[in-house]
């Protein structure tokens, strides 16, 4: 056991040393800081795909952090256990003055943190948490009466009104790196040690040039064009700072800034309305009579619906773990409105496949498509997959990239007639919602 008191810094969704708020405050105390990361068995055992790119991304990111720490004669202590087991071990081996970490807002993370806080409290240790992964959190952006916004536009207006330079100030952690505990390198389990395999994922941060952002509004909806930032995975796991991105957006693109605000809007919705994580935000939508045809769902999953823009999106997702945002809306609308399949089926499939899966954004996007969410499109607004393709992939460039058999007799016929499906959905929704009045 180390005789001198130390501070533990617990990395979670903030896998970087620079401009990491909780880490900055831990280092600034001048007390030696032991950085840790926990590969949480409670999370990993739920992942059936052993080639999960997200686990590999995290693993590569913590190896990267450890390499940086080596230059200060320090090391990252990595656990493959539950959070509770890891902290019990840390308590046995160290004299801990405090534990620092950054806020996590998802329901399961809140439960985990409450359990760790109780454990630490029993030992007279404070858990200090900080806002890091967003500019505004919880109830920082509300209506004048203190109630949460459920519509994006007024939320974003208030968000922008509240924004000052102080909100996106960089926390220069490097000034205090000498506070990292000096230690021999700790053992870091390999991917195989934790039951996963290496994948093709890269942790290199995409370059988001000013030119890309200036063209973002005009190009972002076209999946064949490299017109988006591709930073969503980096944001999800915190290998980039939201403050740096907001500063970049303010200088170059209000449209891109709005996308960053949408992310925080959905985080706030889940915080204020946790029931949305497991069911319809608008509870009257819980009685929609879904068809839930398993054969059609399987065809949607595989990208074999006969609607090329839908199929290209699903094949891109299955092959890479990424799907262009416009295509996410089209594929979601098709599953819910053309096939009349419960949006939660699609949400779960995206949760399994998306590299950038984030509960609040994924849930918000799917409920938007279904009409059951906050600020959702009215249920009678239904995307026509053919007109969406004509508008956003008119030369079939995106489609041909992901569907090599497109235009041949090997490509399947449409599994549904869109016009008839639209009428079927409108009838089902109208009946279910009128019964709830």
Protein backbone atom coordinates (compact mmCIF):
# COMPACT_ATOMS: atom_id res chain seq x y z
CA UNK A 1 0.00 0.00 0.00
CA UNK A 2 1.23 3.51 -0.89
CA UNK A 3 1.64 5.54 2.29
CA UNK A 4 1.06 8.96 0.76
CA UNK A 5 -2.51 9.93 -0.19
CA UNK A 6 -3.36 9.91 -3.87
CA UNK A 7 -6.23 11.03 -6.09
CA UNK A 8 -7.79 8.52 -8.48
CA UNK A 9 -8.87 9.85 -11.86
CA UNK A 10 -11.39 7.53 -13.51
CA UNK A 11 -11.53 7.72 -17.33
CA UNK A 12 -14.89 6.88 -18.93
CA UNK A 13 -16.31 8.82 -21.90
CA UNK A 14 -13.33 11.22 -21.93
CA UNK A 15 -10.40 9.30 -23.39
CA UNK A 16 -7.88 12.14 -23.70
CA UNK A 17 -5.39 13.93 -21.47
CA UNK A 18 -5.81 17.45 -22.81
CA UNK A 19 -8.85 19.64 -22.04
CA UNK A 20 -10.35 16.96 -19.83
CA UNK A 21 -12.19 18.88 -17.09
CA UNK A 22 -12.17 16.30 -14.30
CA UNK A 23 -8.55 15.36 -14.98
CA UNK A 24 -7.56 19.04 -15.06
CA UNK A 25 -9.04 19.62 -11.60
CA UNK A 26 -7.50 16.42 -10.21
CA UNK A 27 -4.01 17.33 -11.45
CA UNK A 28 -4.35 20.94 -10.34
CA UNK A 29 -4.61 19.85 -6.67
CA UNK A 30 -0.91 18.99 -6.73
CA UNK A 31 -1.66 15.62 -5.09
CA UNK A 32 -0.32 12.63 -7.02
CA UNK A 33 -2.93 11.37 -9.50
CA UNK A 34 -3.35 7.70 -10.40
CA UNK A 35 -5.31 7.45 -13.71
CA UNK A 36 -7.49 4.36 -14.14
CA UNK A 37 -9.77 2.79 -16.73
CA UNK A 38 -12.23 -0.06 -16.15
CA UNK A 39 -13.27 -2.50 -18.86
CA UNK A 40 -16.59 -3.10 -17.18
CA UNK A 41 -17.73 -6.73 -17.31
CA UNK A 42 -21.32 -5.60 -16.73
CA UNK A 43 -21.17 -3.85 -20.12
CA UNK A 44 -18.87 -6.15 -22.09
CA UNK A 45 -20.76 -9.35 -21.31
CA UNK A 46 -23.81 -7.86 -23.06
CA UNK A 47 -21.89 -7.53 -26.35
CA UNK A 48 -22.30 -10.66 -28.46
CA UNK A 49 -20.06 -9.55 -31.34
CA UNK A 50 -16.46 -10.29 -30.40
CA UNK A 51 -15.30 -8.12 -33.32
CA UNK A 52 -16.93 -5.04 -31.79
CA UNK A 53 -15.13 -2.00 -33.18
CA UNK A 54 -16.14 0.12 -30.20
CA UNK A 55 -14.25 -2.08 -27.74
CA UNK A 56 -11.22 -2.03 -30.05
CA UNK A 57 -11.47 1.79 -30.36
CA UNK A 58 -11.52 2.13 -26.56
CA UNK A 59 -8.61 -0.30 -26.20
CA UNK A 60 -6.50 1.51 -28.78
CA UNK A 61 -7.36 4.85 -27.16
CA UNK A 62 -6.25 3.75 -23.69
CA UNK A 63 -3.01 2.34 -25.12
CA UNK A 64 -2.51 5.75 -26.71
CA UNK A 65 -3.12 7.49 -23.36
CA UNK A 66 -0.68 5.11 -21.68
CA UNK A 67 2.03 5.94 -24.22
CA UNK A 68 1.56 9.64 -23.42
CA UNK A 69 1.72 8.90 -19.69
CA UNK A 70 5.01 7.04 -20.13
CA UNK A 71 6.70 10.32 -21.06
CA UNK A 72 5.88 11.57 -17.52
CA UNK A 73 7.11 8.28 -15.98
CA UNK A 74 3.51 7.39 -15.24
CA UNK A 75 1.09 4.69 -16.35
CA UNK A 76 -2.62 3.95 -16.71
CA UNK A 77 -3.99 1.30 -14.34
CA UNK A 78 -6.50 -0.80 -16.28
CA UNK A 79 -9.03 -3.19 -14.78
CA UNK A 80 -11.09 -5.92 -16.39
CA UNK A 81 -13.79 -6.30 -13.76
CA UNK A 82 -16.91 -4.57 -12.50
CA UNK A 83 -16.56 -0.98 -11.26
CA UNK A 84 -17.35 -2.14 -7.72
CA UNK A 85 -14.62 -4.81 -7.74
CA UNK A 86 -12.07 -2.38 -9.18
CA UNK A 87 -12.68 0.20 -6.47
CA UNK A 88 -12.60 -2.38 -3.70
CA UNK A 89 -9.15 -3.39 -4.95
CA UNK A 90 -8.03 0.23 -5.18
CA UNK A 91 -9.19 0.85 -1.61
CA UNK A 92 -7.16 -2.13 -0.37
CA UNK A 93 -3.99 -1.05 -2.17
CA UNK A 94 -3.96 2.75 -1.76
CA UNK A 95 -4.56 5.61 0.61
CA UNK A 96 -7.11 7.56 -1.45
CA UNK A 97 -7.93 11.18 -0.67
CA UNK A 98 -10.57 11.55 -3.42
CA UNK A 99 -11.82 10.11 -6.71
CA UNK A 100 -12.31 12.46 -9.65
CA UNK A 101 -14.27 11.70 -12.79
CA UNK A 102 -16.59 13.32 -15.34
CA UNK A 103 -20.38 13.13 -15.43
CA UNK A 104 -22.14 10.38 -17.31
CA UNK A 105 -25.84 10.88 -17.93
CA UNK A 106 -27.22 7.53 -19.05
CA UNK A 107 -29.54 5.72 -16.59
CA UNK A 108 -27.26 2.68 -16.12
CA UNK A 109 -24.22 4.94 -15.63
CA UNK A 110 -26.06 6.97 -12.99
CA UNK A 111 -26.89 3.75 -11.09
CA UNK A 112 -23.25 2.61 -11.30
CA UNK A 113 -21.94 5.97 -10.06
CA UNK A 114 -24.39 6.03 -7.14
CA UNK A 115 -23.15 2.58 -6.08
CA UNK A 116 -19.49 3.69 -6.28
CA UNK A 117 -20.28 6.88 -4.37
CA UNK A 118 -21.81 4.82 -1.55
CA UNK A 119 -18.77 2.53 -1.46
CA UNK A 120 -16.36 5.47 -1.31
CA UNK A 121 -18.47 7.34 1.21
CA UNK A 122 -18.31 4.37 3.60
CA UNK A 123 -14.54 4.78 3.46
CA UNK A 124 -14.66 8.54 4.00
CA UNK A 125 -13.71 9.32 0.40
CA UNK A 126 -15.41 11.92 -1.78
CA UNK A 127 -16.39 11.25 -5.41
CA UNK A 128 -15.96 14.53 -7.29
CA UNK A 129 -17.59 14.70 -10.72
CA UNK A 130 -17.41 17.36 -13.43
CA UNK A 131 -19.17 18.42 -16.61
CA UNK A 132 -16.98 17.51 -19.58
CA UNK A 133 -18.81 15.88 -22.49
CA UNK A 134 -21.21 18.74 -23.17
CA UNK A 135 -21.38 22.53 -22.96
CA UNK A 136 -24.68 22.64 -21.04
CA UNK A 137 -26.08 19.77 -18.99
CA UNK A 138 -29.10 18.71 -16.95
CA UNK A 139 -31.16 21.85 -16.17
CA UNK A 140 -28.71 24.47 -17.43
CA UNK A 141 -30.86 25.22 -20.49
CA UNK A 142 -34.55 25.37 -19.56
CA UNK A 143 -37.58 27.53 -20.19
CA UNK A 144 -37.92 30.70 -18.13
CA UNK A 145 -40.17 28.81 -15.71
CA UNK A 146 -37.50 26.15 -15.16
CA UNK A 147 -39.30 23.43 -17.14
CA UNK A 148 -37.31 21.44 -19.72
CA UNK A 149 -37.64 22.16 -23.42
CA UNK A 150 -39.17 19.41 -25.54
CA UNK A 151 -38.79 21.25 -28.86
CA UNK A 152 -35.35 21.79 -30.40
CA UNK A 153 -35.63 25.28 -31.92
CA UNK A 154 -36.39 27.21 -28.69
CA UNK A 155 -33.87 25.00 -26.84
CA UNK A 156 -31.14 25.87 -29.35
CA UNK A 157 -32.06 29.56 -29.19
CA UNK A 158 -31.69 29.58 -25.39
CA UNK A 159 -28.50 27.48 -25.66
CA UNK A 160 -26.94 30.11 -27.93
CA UNK A 161 -28.14 32.98 -25.73
CA UNK A 162 -26.45 31.39 -22.71
CA UNK A 163 -23.17 30.66 -24.48
CA UNK A 164 -20.12 32.69 -23.50
CA UNK A 165 -16.41 32.18 -24.17
CA UNK A 166 -16.11 30.80 -20.64
CA UNK A 167 -18.30 27.83 -21.67
CA UNK A 168 -15.81 26.62 -24.26
CA UNK A 169 -12.59 27.65 -22.56
CA UNK A 170 -9.83 25.05 -22.94
CA UNK A 171 -8.62 23.46 -19.70
CA UNK A 172 -4.87 23.28 -20.16
CA UNK A 173 -4.13 20.05 -18.29
CA UNK A 174 -0.56 19.86 -19.61
CA UNK A 175 0.51 22.58 -17.13
CA UNK A 176 -0.04 20.05 -14.33
CA UNK A 177 1.09 16.76 -15.88
CA UNK A 178 3.89 16.59 -13.28
CA UNK A 179 1.14 15.62 -10.80
CA UNK A 180 0.70 12.19 -12.42
CA UNK A 181 1.93 9.48 -10.08
CA UNK A 182 5.42 8.19 -10.89
CA UNK A 183 5.24 4.45 -11.34
CA UNK A 184 6.54 1.52 -13.34
CA UNK A 185 4.26 0.58 -16.24
CA UNK A 186 1.14 -1.30 -15.17
CA UNK A 187 -0.02 -4.41 -17.03
CA UNK A 188 -2.74 -3.61 -19.57
CA UNK A 189 -4.91 -6.56 -20.66
CA UNK A 190 -4.97 -7.24 -24.38
CA UNK A 191 -8.18 -7.31 -26.39
CA UNK A 192 -8.02 -11.10 -26.32
CA UNK A 193 -7.68 -11.00 -22.52
CA UNK A 194 -11.06 -9.28 -22.32
CA UNK A 195 -12.66 -11.56 -24.93
CA UNK A 196 -12.54 -9.41 -28.08
CA UNK A 197 -10.64 -9.28 -31.36
CA UNK A 198 -8.79 -6.55 -33.19
CA UNK A 199 -10.75 -4.83 -35.97
CA UNK A 200 -10.17 -2.34 -38.78
CA UNK A 201 -11.09 0.67 -36.61
CA UNK A 202 -8.71 3.62 -36.47
CA UNK A 203 -8.39 6.09 -33.60
CA UNK A 204 -6.99 8.82 -35.85
CA UNK A 205 -9.12 11.94 -35.50
CA UNK A 206 -10.68 13.07 -38.80
CA UNK A 207 -9.47 16.48 -39.97
CA UNK A 208 -12.40 18.87 -39.90
CA UNK A 209 -11.18 21.72 -42.05
CA UNK A 210 -12.73 25.18 -42.19
CA UNK A 211 -13.49 24.50 -45.87
CA UNK A 212 -15.47 21.36 -44.99
CA UNK A 213 -17.51 23.28 -42.41
CA UNK A 214 -18.15 26.20 -44.74
CA UNK A 215 -19.62 23.71 -47.25
CA UNK A 216 -21.32 21.62 -44.57
CA UNK A 217 -24.82 23.05 -44.98
CA UNK A 218 -24.78 22.46 -48.75
CA UNK A 219 -23.18 19.01 -48.71
CA UNK A 220 -24.15 17.26 -45.48
CA UNK A 221 -27.25 15.48 -46.85
CA UNK A 222 -25.51 13.74 -49.75
CA UNK A 223 -24.11 10.36 -48.67
CA UNK A 224 -21.84 9.99 -51.71
CA UNK A 225 -20.04 13.24 -50.79
CA UNK A 226 -17.44 13.46 -48.01
CA UNK A 227 -19.29 16.43 -46.56
CA UNK A 228 -19.62 15.53 -42.86
CA UNK A 229 -17.12 15.63 -40.01
CA UNK A 230 -17.13 11.88 -39.17
CA UNK A 231 -16.34 12.89 -35.58
CA UNK A 232 -19.31 11.20 -33.92
CA UNK A 233 -17.31 8.23 -32.63
CA UNK A 234 -14.59 10.51 -31.26
CA UNK A 235 -17.28 12.55 -29.49
CA UNK A 236 -18.95 9.41 -28.17
CA UNK A 237 -15.78 8.23 -26.44
CA UNK A 238 -14.33 11.65 -25.73
CA UNK A 239 -11.13 11.46 -27.75
CA UNK A 240 -11.98 15.03 -28.82
CA UNK A 241 -13.10 17.96 -26.69
CA UNK A 242 -16.61 19.34 -27.23
CA UNK A 243 -15.28 22.79 -26.30
CA UNK A 244 -12.74 22.75 -29.12
CA UNK A 245 -15.44 21.65 -31.57
CA UNK A 246 -17.89 24.38 -30.51
CA UNK A 247 -15.16 27.00 -30.93
CA UNK A 248 -14.44 25.61 -34.43
CA UNK A 249 -18.15 25.59 -35.28
CA UNK A 250 -18.70 29.19 -34.13
CA UNK A 251 -15.98 30.31 -36.50
CA UNK A 252 -17.15 28.32 -39.51
CA UNK A 253 -20.66 26.85 -39.56
CA UNK A 254 -23.86 27.51 -37.63
CA UNK A 255 -25.40 24.42 -39.25
CA UNK A 256 -22.67 22.23 -37.76
CA UNK A 257 -23.05 24.02 -34.43
CA UNK A 258 -26.75 23.13 -34.52
CA UNK A 259 -25.81 19.45 -34.91
CA UNK A 260 -23.68 19.69 -31.77
CA UNK A 261 -26.62 21.33 -29.99
CA UNK A 262 -28.98 18.52 -31.15
CA UNK A 263 -26.65 16.12 -29.34
CA UNK A 264 -27.03 18.06 -26.10
CA UNK A 265 -30.78 18.45 -26.62
CA UNK A 266 -31.21 14.67 -26.73
CA UNK A 267 -28.94 14.28 -23.68
CA UNK A 268 -31.15 16.74 -21.80
CA UNK A 269 -34.32 14.94 -22.89
CA UNK A 270 -33.04 11.62 -21.54
CA UNK A 271 -31.96 13.31 -18.31
CA UNK A 272 -35.37 14.92 -17.71
CA UNK A 273 -37.49 12.10 -19.16
CA UNK A 274 -35.69 8.80 -18.40
CA UNK A 275 -38.83 6.83 -19.33
CA UNK A 276 -37.96 7.56 -23.00
CA UNK A 277 -35.00 5.18 -22.76
CA UNK A 278 -37.38 2.21 -22.55
CA UNK A 279 -40.54 3.37 -24.29
CA UNK A 280 -42.34 6.10 -26.18
CA UNK A 281 -41.61 9.66 -25.05
CA UNK A 282 -45.24 10.48 -25.98
CA UNK A 283 -46.95 7.71 -24.07
CA UNK A 284 -50.04 7.66 -26.31
CA UNK A 285 -47.80 6.19 -29.06
CA UNK A 286 -47.26 3.03 -27.03
CA UNK A 287 -50.48 1.56 -28.47
CA UNK A 288 -49.49 1.59 -32.16
CA UNK A 289 -50.40 -1.91 -33.51
CA UNK A 290 -47.05 -2.88 -35.01
CA UNK A 291 -46.98 -5.67 -37.59
CA UNK A 292 -43.46 -6.77 -36.52
CA UNK A 293 -42.96 -9.13 -39.44
CA UNK A 294 -39.70 -10.93 -38.60
CA UNK A 295 -38.92 -11.90 -42.22
CA UNK A 296 -39.25 -8.28 -43.37
CA UNK A 297 -37.17 -7.12 -40.41
CA UNK A 298 -34.43 -9.57 -41.41
CA UNK A 299 -34.49 -8.21 -44.98
CA UNK A 300 -34.19 -4.67 -43.62
CA UNK A 301 -31.24 -5.70 -41.43
CA UNK A 302 -29.44 -7.31 -44.37
CA UNK A 303 -30.17 -4.51 -46.85
CA UNK A 304 -32.41 -6.65 -49.07
CA UNK A 305 -35.66 -4.64 -49.13
CA UNK A 306 -35.55 -3.75 -52.82
CA UNK A 307 -35.37 -0.04 -51.97
CA UNK A 308 -31.79 0.88 -52.95
CA UNK A 309 -31.21 3.91 -50.69
CA UNK A 310 -32.41 1.87 -47.69
CA UNK A 311 -30.37 -1.19 -48.64
CA UNK A 312 -27.20 0.83 -49.30
CA UNK A 313 -27.47 2.37 -45.85
CA UNK A 314 -27.96 -0.93 -44.08
CA UNK A 315 -25.08 -2.54 -45.97
CA UNK A 316 -22.80 0.39 -45.13
CA UNK A 317 -23.76 -0.02 -41.47
CA UNK A 318 -23.20 -3.79 -41.46
CA UNK A 319 -19.84 -3.50 -43.25
CA UNK A 320 -18.36 -0.48 -41.45
CA UNK A 321 -20.35 0.38 -38.31
CA UNK A 322 -21.10 3.79 -39.82
CA UNK A 323 -24.14 5.19 -41.58
CA UNK A 324 -24.58 8.67 -43.03
CA UNK A 325 -27.06 10.71 -40.97
CA UNK A 326 -29.50 11.43 -43.83
CA UNK A 327 -29.58 7.71 -44.59
CA UNK A 328 -30.18 6.92 -40.89
CA UNK A 329 -33.39 8.95 -41.15
CA UNK A 330 -34.43 7.21 -44.38
CA UNK A 331 -33.76 3.68 -43.11
CA UNK A 332 -35.53 4.40 -39.81
CA UNK A 333 -38.56 5.87 -41.54
CA UNK A 334 -38.74 2.86 -43.85
CA UNK A 335 -38.68 0.33 -41.01
CA UNK A 336 -41.31 2.15 -38.96
CA UNK A 337 -43.56 3.72 -41.57
CA UNK A 338 -43.29 1.33 -44.55
CA UNK A 339 -42.97 -1.96 -42.69
CA UNK A 340 -44.86 -0.89 -39.54
CA UNK A 341 -42.21 -2.49 -37.33
CA UNK A 342 -41.69 -1.25 -33.78
CA UNK A 343 -39.05 1.49 -33.72
CA UNK A 344 -37.41 -0.17 -30.70
CA UNK A 345 -36.39 -3.10 -32.93
CA UNK A 346 -34.49 -0.71 -35.17
CA UNK A 347 -33.09 1.18 -32.20
CA UNK A 348 -31.68 -2.06 -30.77
CA UNK A 349 -30.15 -3.05 -34.12
CA UNK A 350 -28.46 0.33 -34.48
CA UNK A 351 -27.27 0.09 -30.85
CA UNK A 352 -25.56 -3.19 -31.69
CA UNK A 353 -24.01 -2.03 -34.98
CA UNK A 354 -23.19 1.69 -34.75
CA UNK A 355 -19.62 2.60 -33.86
CA UNK A 356 -20.88 5.91 -32.47
CA UNK A 357 -23.85 4.44 -30.61
CA UNK A 358 -25.01 6.91 -28.00
CA UNK A 359 -28.20 6.06 -26.12
CA UNK A 360 -29.70 9.56 -26.09
CA UNK A 361 -29.02 10.35 -29.77
CA UNK A 362 -30.01 6.89 -31.03
CA UNK A 363 -33.20 6.86 -28.99
CA UNK A 364 -34.01 10.44 -29.96
CA UNK A 365 -33.47 9.77 -33.66
CA UNK A 366 -35.60 6.63 -33.71
CA UNK A 367 -38.44 8.23 -31.77
CA UNK A 368 -38.26 11.23 -34.11
CA UNK A 369 -38.74 8.87 -37.06
CA UNK A 370 -41.61 7.05 -35.32
CA UNK A 371 -43.39 10.25 -34.32
CA UNK A 372 -43.35 9.15 -30.67
CA UNK A 373 -40.47 11.40 -29.58
CA UNK A 374 -40.10 15.00 -28.54
CA UNK A 375 -40.07 17.47 -31.43
CA UNK A 376 -40.83 14.57 -33.76
CA UNK A 377 -42.06 14.85 -37.30
CA UNK A 378 -45.87 14.50 -37.30
CA UNK A 379 -46.83 10.86 -37.75
CA UNK A 380 -48.38 11.62 -41.14
CA UNK A 381 -45.06 12.90 -42.54
CA UNK A 382 -43.63 9.77 -44.14
CA UNK A 383 -40.41 9.67 -46.17
CA UNK A 384 -40.77 8.31 -49.70
CA UNK A 385 -37.55 6.27 -50.15
CA UNK A 386 -37.60 6.76 -53.92
CA UNK A 387 -37.89 10.54 -53.78
CA UNK A 388 -35.25 10.64 -51.03
CA UNK A 389 -32.91 8.74 -53.35
CA UNK A 390 -33.69 11.07 -56.27
CA UNK A 391 -32.97 14.09 -54.10
CA UNK A 392 -29.87 12.94 -52.21
CA UNK A 393 -28.25 10.28 -54.43
CA UNK A 394 -29.49 11.23 -57.92
CA UNK A 395 -26.59 9.58 -59.76
CA UNK A 396 -26.75 6.39 -57.64
CA UNK A 397 -23.12 6.87 -56.58
CA UNK A 398 -23.72 5.90 -52.96
CA UNK A 399 -26.07 3.08 -53.95
CA UNK A 400 -23.65 1.55 -56.46
CA UNK A 401 -20.83 1.68 -53.90
CA UNK A 402 -22.74 -0.52 -51.47
CA UNK A 403 -24.95 -2.59 -53.80
CA UNK A 404 -22.74 -4.10 -56.54
CA UNK A 405 -25.70 -6.06 -57.99
CA UNK A 406 -27.86 -2.92 -58.31
CA UNK A 407 -29.44 -2.74 -61.77
CA UNK A 408 -29.17 -6.49 -62.37
CA UNK A 409 -31.72 -9.27 -61.90
CA UNK A 410 -29.82 -10.30 -58.75
CA UNK A 411 -31.11 -7.24 -56.92
CA UNK A 412 -34.38 -8.04 -55.07
CA UNK A 413 -37.78 -6.63 -55.95
CA UNK A 414 -39.33 -4.21 -53.41
CA UNK A 415 -40.80 -6.10 -50.45
CA UNK A 416 -43.60 -3.57 -50.07
CA UNK A 417 -45.60 -1.08 -52.16
CA UNK A 418 -44.73 2.31 -50.63
CA UNK A 419 -48.07 3.94 -51.49
CA UNK A 420 -50.10 1.12 -49.94
CA UNK A 421 -47.74 0.91 -46.96
CA UNK A 422 -48.18 4.63 -46.36
CA UNK A 423 -51.97 4.27 -46.24
CA UNK A 424 -51.66 1.24 -43.93
CA UNK A 425 -49.44 3.19 -41.52
CA UNK A 426 -51.60 6.32 -41.53
CA UNK A 427 -54.65 4.19 -40.77
CA UNK A 428 -52.92 2.31 -37.93
CA UNK A 429 -51.53 5.48 -36.32
CA UNK A 430 -54.74 7.46 -36.66
CA UNK A 431 -56.82 4.67 -35.10
CA UNK A 432 -54.40 4.09 -32.19
CA UNK A 433 -54.02 7.78 -31.39
CA UNK A 434 -57.74 8.53 -31.62
CA UNK A 435 -58.44 5.69 -29.16
CA UNK A 436 -56.10 7.34 -26.68
CA UNK A 437 -58.01 10.62 -26.62
